[in-house]
Amino acid sequence: MARRADLFLIAPATANIIGKLANGIADDLLSTLALTVTCPVLVAPAMNVEMWGKPAVQRNISQLEEDGVEIIPPGEGWLSCGVVGKGRMAEPIEIYNAIEQTFDCPS
């Protein structure tokens, strides 16, 4: 699977998978594939507002960006935990636009 991929998208990307990728941990199918692919990797974080704001999560996001992973920033809105704030996964059109940009497709 890893050799045939043209793009690898993780949406939603939890704090857990973001931490695994940032630290080179491959202990399940998703993290193993993400660390094995040679194609562009896009990550659309989705998590609780407090989790998103934690320094450890932000360090992991920075590490992924440094490693060449494209982060599709989360939006603000109603979260599954019942609060409103930043951490909501990007809207599908935003994810689609990021994919188009990756392949340099004309709009």
N, C-alpha and C. Protein backbone atom coordinates (compact mmCIF):
# COMPACT_ATOMS: atom_id res chain seq x y z
N MET A 1 0.83 -1.20 0.00
CA MET A 1 0.00 0.00 0.00
C MET A 1 0.87 1.26 0.00
N ALA A 2 1.92 1.26 0.79
CA ALA A 2 2.73 2.47 0.94
C ALA A 2 3.40 2.88 -0.37
N ARG A 3 3.79 1.93 -1.17
CA ARG A 3 4.50 2.24 -2.41
C ARG A 3 3.59 2.73 -3.52
N ARG A 4 2.30 2.43 -3.42
CA ARG A 4 1.37 2.81 -4.48
C ARG A 4 0.68 4.15 -4.24
N ALA A 5 0.81 4.71 -3.05
CA ALA A 5 0.08 5.93 -2.71
C ALA A 5 0.66 7.16 -3.40
N ASP A 6 -0.23 8.00 -3.90
CA ASP A 6 0.16 9.28 -4.46
C ASP A 6 0.06 10.39 -3.42
N LEU A 7 -0.73 10.15 -2.40
CA LEU A 7 -0.95 11.10 -1.32
C LEU A 7 -1.44 10.32 -0.11
N PHE A 8 -1.04 10.74 1.08
CA PHE A 8 -1.48 10.09 2.30
C PHE A 8 -2.12 11.15 3.18
N LEU A 9 -3.41 11.03 3.42
CA LEU A 9 -4.17 12.00 4.21
C LEU A 9 -4.69 11.33 5.47
N ILE A 10 -4.46 11.99 6.61
CA ILE A 10 -5.04 11.52 7.87
C ILE A 10 -6.03 12.59 8.31
N ALA A 11 -7.30 12.24 8.25
CA ALA A 11 -8.37 13.16 8.62
C ALA A 11 -9.54 12.37 9.19
N PRO A 12 -9.82 12.47 10.43
CA PRO A 12 -9.23 13.37 11.40
C PRO A 12 -7.93 12.80 11.98
N ALA A 13 -7.04 13.72 12.34
CA ALA A 13 -5.79 13.33 12.98
C ALA A 13 -5.88 13.70 14.45
N THR A 14 -5.87 12.69 15.29
CA THR A 14 -5.96 12.91 16.74
C THR A 14 -4.62 13.35 17.30
N ALA A 15 -4.64 13.85 18.51
CA ALA A 15 -3.39 14.19 19.20
C ALA A 15 -2.51 12.96 19.32
N ASN A 16 -3.11 11.80 19.47
CA ASN A 16 -2.35 10.56 19.59
C ASN A 16 -1.56 10.25 18.32
N ILE A 17 -2.22 10.27 17.17
CA ILE A 17 -1.50 9.94 15.93
C ILE A 17 -0.49 11.03 15.59
N ILE A 18 -0.81 12.28 15.89
CA ILE A 18 0.14 13.37 15.65
C ILE A 18 1.39 13.15 16.49
N GLY A 19 1.21 12.77 17.75
CA GLY A 19 2.35 12.49 18.63
C GLY A 19 3.18 11.32 18.14
N LYS A 20 2.51 10.28 17.67
CA LYS A 20 3.24 9.12 17.14
C LYS A 20 4.08 9.50 15.94
N LEU A 21 3.50 10.21 14.99
CA LEU A 21 4.23 10.58 13.78
C LEU A 21 5.39 11.51 14.09
N ALA A 22 5.17 12.47 14.98
CA ALA A 22 6.21 13.43 15.32
C ALA A 22 7.40 12.77 16.01
N ASN A 23 7.15 11.64 16.65
CA ASN A 23 8.21 10.97 17.40
C ASN A 23 8.65 9.65 16.77
N GLY A 24 8.20 9.39 15.55
CA GLY A 24 8.64 8.21 14.83
C GLY A 24 8.13 6.90 15.39
N ILE A 25 6.97 6.91 16.01
CA ILE A 25 6.39 5.69 16.58
C ILE A 25 5.48 5.04 15.55
N ALA A 26 5.74 3.79 15.24
CA ALA A 26 4.95 3.02 14.28
C ALA A 26 4.49 1.74 14.95
N ASP A 27 3.38 1.82 15.66
CA ASP A 27 2.91 0.65 16.41
C ASP A 27 1.52 0.18 16.01
N ASP A 28 1.01 0.69 14.89
CA ASP A 28 -0.27 0.23 14.35
C ASP A 28 -0.24 0.47 12.85
N LEU A 29 -1.26 0.05 12.13
CA LEU A 29 -1.26 0.17 10.68
C LEU A 29 -1.16 1.62 10.21
N LEU A 30 -1.94 2.50 10.82
CA LEU A 30 -1.94 3.89 10.39
C LEU A 30 -0.57 4.55 10.57
N SER A 31 0.00 4.43 11.75
CA SER A 31 1.30 5.07 12.00
C SER A 31 2.40 4.41 11.17
N THR A 32 2.32 3.11 10.97
CA THR A 32 3.32 2.42 10.15
C THR A 32 3.26 2.90 8.71
N LEU A 33 2.06 2.97 8.15
CA LEU A 33 1.92 3.45 6.77
C LEU A 33 2.38 4.91 6.64
N ALA A 34 1.98 5.73 7.59
CA ALA A 34 2.34 7.15 7.53
C ALA A 34 3.85 7.34 7.57
N LEU A 35 4.56 6.50 8.28
CA LEU A 35 6.01 6.61 8.36
C LEU A 35 6.72 5.88 7.23
N THR A 36 5.97 5.14 6.43
CA THR A 36 6.55 4.36 5.34
C THR A 36 6.37 5.01 3.98
N VAL A 37 5.29 5.75 3.79
CA VAL A 37 5.01 6.32 2.48
C VAL A 37 6.08 7.33 2.06
N THR A 38 6.26 7.43 0.75
CA THR A 38 7.21 8.40 0.21
C THR A 38 6.49 9.54 -0.51
N CYS A 39 5.18 9.49 -0.52
CA CYS A 39 4.37 10.52 -1.15
C CYS A 39 4.10 11.65 -0.14
N PRO A 40 3.49 12.74 -0.59
CA PRO A 40 3.13 13.81 0.35
C PRO A 40 2.17 13.30 1.43
N VAL A 41 2.37 13.80 2.65
CA VAL A 41 1.51 13.45 3.79
C VAL A 41 0.80 14.72 4.24
N LEU A 42 -0.53 14.64 4.34
CA LEU A 42 -1.35 15.73 4.83
C LEU A 42 -2.05 15.27 6.10
N VAL A 43 -2.15 16.16 7.06
CA VAL A 43 -2.76 15.84 8.35
C VAL A 43 -3.77 16.93 8.69
N ALA A 44 -4.99 16.52 9.00
CA ALA A 44 -6.05 17.45 9.40
C ALA A 44 -6.39 17.19 10.86
N PRO A 45 -5.76 17.93 11.77
CA PRO A 45 -6.00 17.70 13.20
C PRO A 45 -7.46 17.92 13.59
N ALA A 46 -7.89 17.16 14.58
CA ALA A 46 -9.22 17.32 15.16
C ALA A 46 -9.15 16.85 16.60
N MET A 47 -9.42 17.78 17.52
CA MET A 47 -9.36 17.41 18.93
C MET A 47 -10.01 18.49 19.78
N ASN A 48 -10.09 18.22 21.04
CA ASN A 48 -10.63 19.14 22.03
C ASN A 48 -9.81 20.43 22.05
N VAL A 49 -10.45 21.55 22.30
CA VAL A 49 -9.79 22.84 22.31
C VAL A 49 -8.63 22.89 23.30
N GLU A 50 -8.79 22.29 24.47
CA GLU A 50 -7.71 22.29 25.46
C GLU A 50 -6.54 21.43 24.98
N MET A 51 -6.84 20.31 24.34
CA MET A 51 -5.77 19.47 23.80
C MET A 51 -4.99 20.23 22.73
N TRP A 52 -5.71 20.88 21.82
CA TRP A 52 -5.06 21.62 20.73
C TRP A 52 -4.09 22.67 21.28
N GLY A 53 -4.44 23.29 22.38
CA GLY A 53 -3.62 24.35 22.95
C GLY A 53 -2.43 23.90 23.78
N LYS A 54 -2.32 22.62 24.06
CA LYS A 54 -1.22 22.14 24.89
C LYS A 54 0.13 22.29 24.20
N PRO A 55 1.15 22.71 24.95
CA PRO A 55 2.49 22.85 24.36
C PRO A 55 3.00 21.57 23.70
N ALA A 56 2.73 20.42 24.27
CA ALA A 56 3.21 19.17 23.68
C ALA A 56 2.60 18.94 22.31
N VAL A 57 1.33 19.21 22.16
CA VAL A 57 0.67 19.04 20.85
C VAL A 57 1.24 20.05 19.85
N GLN A 58 1.43 21.28 20.28
CA GLN A 58 1.99 22.29 19.38
C GLN A 58 3.43 21.97 18.99
N ARG A 59 4.21 21.40 19.91
CA ARG A 59 5.57 20.95 19.56
C ARG A 59 5.51 19.84 18.52
N ASN A 60 4.56 18.91 18.69
CA ASN A 60 4.43 17.81 17.73
C ASN A 60 4.00 18.34 16.36
N ILE A 61 3.11 19.31 16.32
CA ILE A 61 2.70 19.93 15.06
C ILE A 61 3.91 20.59 14.40
N SER A 62 4.68 21.32 15.17
CA SER A 62 5.89 21.98 14.63
C SER A 62 6.87 20.96 14.08
N GLN A 63 7.03 19.85 14.79
CA GLN A 63 7.95 18.81 14.33
C GLN A 63 7.47 18.22 13.00
N LEU A 64 6.18 17.96 12.89
CA LEU A 64 5.65 17.42 11.64
C LEU A 64 5.88 18.40 10.49
N GLU A 65 5.63 19.69 10.74
CA GLU A 65 5.87 20.69 9.69
C GLU A 65 7.34 20.71 9.29
N GLU A 66 8.22 20.63 10.28
CA GLU A 66 9.65 20.59 10.00
C GLU A 66 10.02 19.36 9.18
N ASP A 67 9.31 18.27 9.40
CA ASP A 67 9.56 17.02 8.68
C ASP A 67 8.91 16.99 7.30
N GLY A 68 8.20 18.05 6.93
CA GLY A 68 7.62 18.13 5.60
C GLY A 68 6.17 17.69 5.50
N VAL A 69 5.54 17.43 6.63
CA VAL A 69 4.12 17.06 6.63
C VAL A 69 3.30 18.35 6.53
N GLU A 70 2.30 18.34 5.67
CA GLU A 70 1.43 19.52 5.55
C GLU A 70 0.31 19.41 6.57
N ILE A 71 0.18 20.44 7.37
CA ILE A 71 -0.89 20.50 8.37
C ILE A 71 -2.02 21.34 7.79
N ILE A 72 -3.21 20.78 7.76
CA ILE A 72 -4.41 21.51 7.36
C ILE A 72 -5.02 22.01 8.67
N PRO A 73 -4.89 23.29 8.97
CA PRO A 73 -5.24 23.79 10.30
C PRO A 73 -6.68 23.52 10.69
N PRO A 74 -6.91 23.24 11.96
CA PRO A 74 -8.27 23.06 12.42
C PRO A 74 -9.01 24.40 12.46
N GLY A 75 -10.31 24.30 12.42
CA GLY A 75 -11.13 25.50 12.51
C GLY A 75 -11.70 25.66 13.90
N GLU A 76 -12.49 26.69 14.04
CA GLU A 76 -13.19 26.92 15.30
C GLU A 76 -14.66 26.57 15.09
N GLY A 77 -15.26 26.05 16.13
CA GLY A 77 -16.66 25.70 16.05
C GLY A 77 -17.06 24.76 17.15
N TRP A 78 -18.23 24.19 16.99
CA TRP A 78 -18.79 23.25 17.96
C TRP A 78 -17.97 21.97 17.93
N LEU A 79 -17.48 21.55 19.10
CA LEU A 79 -16.68 20.33 19.21
C LEU A 79 -17.51 19.23 19.86
N SER A 80 -17.12 18.00 19.63
CA SER A 80 -17.90 16.87 20.15
C SER A 80 -17.95 16.83 21.68
N CYS A 81 -17.04 17.54 22.35
CA CYS A 81 -17.04 17.57 23.81
C CYS A 81 -18.07 18.56 24.35
N GLY A 82 -18.75 19.26 23.45
CA GLY A 82 -19.82 20.15 23.88
C GLY A 82 -19.40 21.59 24.08
N VAL A 83 -18.21 21.96 23.65
CA VAL A 83 -17.76 23.35 23.75
C VAL A 83 -17.49 23.90 22.35
N VAL A 84 -17.36 25.20 22.28
CA VAL A 84 -17.01 25.86 21.03
C VAL A 84 -15.58 26.35 21.16
N GLY A 85 -14.77 26.07 20.15
CA GLY A 85 -13.38 26.51 20.19
C GLY A 85 -12.59 25.95 19.04
N LYS A 86 -11.29 26.23 19.04
CA LYS A 86 -10.40 25.75 17.98
C LYS A 86 -10.08 24.28 18.24
N GLY A 87 -10.05 23.52 17.17
CA GLY A 87 -9.77 22.09 17.27
C GLY A 87 -10.66 21.28 16.35
N ARG A 88 -11.67 21.92 15.80
CA ARG A 88 -12.59 21.26 14.87
C ARG A 88 -11.85 20.96 13.57
N MET A 89 -12.00 19.75 13.06
CA MET A 89 -11.34 19.38 11.81
C MET A 89 -11.74 20.35 10.70
N ALA A 90 -10.78 20.66 9.83
CA ALA A 90 -11.05 21.53 8.69
C ALA A 90 -12.24 21.01 7.91
N GLU A 91 -12.96 21.92 7.31
CA GLU A 91 -14.11 21.54 6.50
C GLU A 91 -13.65 20.75 5.27
N PRO A 92 -14.49 19.86 4.75
CA PRO A 92 -14.10 19.05 3.60
C PRO A 92 -13.58 19.86 2.42
N ILE A 93 -14.14 21.03 2.15
CA ILE A 93 -13.66 21.83 1.03
C ILE A 93 -12.24 22.33 1.28
N GLU A 94 -11.91 22.63 2.53
CA GLU A 94 -10.54 23.06 2.86
C GLU A 94 -9.56 21.91 2.67
N ILE A 95 -9.98 20.71 3.04
CA ILE A 95 -9.13 19.53 2.84
C ILE A 95 -8.95 19.27 1.34
N TYR A 96 -10.03 19.37 0.61
CA TYR A 96 -9.97 19.18 -0.84
C TYR A 96 -9.02 20.20 -1.49
N ASN A 97 -9.12 21.45 -1.06
CA ASN A 97 -8.25 22.50 -1.60
C ASN A 97 -6.78 22.21 -1.29
N ALA A 98 -6.49 21.70 -0.11
CA ALA A 98 -5.12 21.35 0.25
C ALA A 98 -4.60 20.22 -0.63
N ILE A 99 -5.47 19.27 -0.94
CA ILE A 99 -5.08 18.17 -1.84
C ILE A 99 -4.79 18.72 -3.22
N GLU A 100 -5.66 19.60 -3.72
CA GLU A 100 -5.43 20.21 -5.03
C GLU A 100 -4.10 20.95 -5.07
N GLN A 101 -3.80 21.71 -4.02
CA GLN A 101 -2.54 22.45 -3.96
C GLN A 101 -1.35 21.51 -3.97
N THR A 102 -1.48 20.37 -3.30
CA THR A 102 -0.40 19.39 -3.25
C THR A 102 -0.05 18.91 -4.65
N PHE A 103 -1.08 18.71 -5.47
CA PHE A 103 -0.87 18.24 -6.84
C PHE A 103 -0.78 19.40 -7.83
N ASP A 104 -0.81 20.64 -7.31
CA ASP A 104 -0.70 21.82 -8.14
C ASP A 104 -1.76 21.81 -9.25
N CYS A 105 -2.99 21.48 -8.86
CA CYS A 105 -4.09 21.43 -9.82
C CYS A 105 -4.69 22.82 -9.98
N PRO A 106 -5.04 23.19 -11.21
CA PRO A 106 -5.73 24.47 -11.39
C PRO A 106 -7.14 24.40 -10.82
N SER A 107 -7.60 25.49 -10.27
CA SER A 107 -8.95 25.52 -9.67
C SER A 107 -10.00 25.64 -10.75
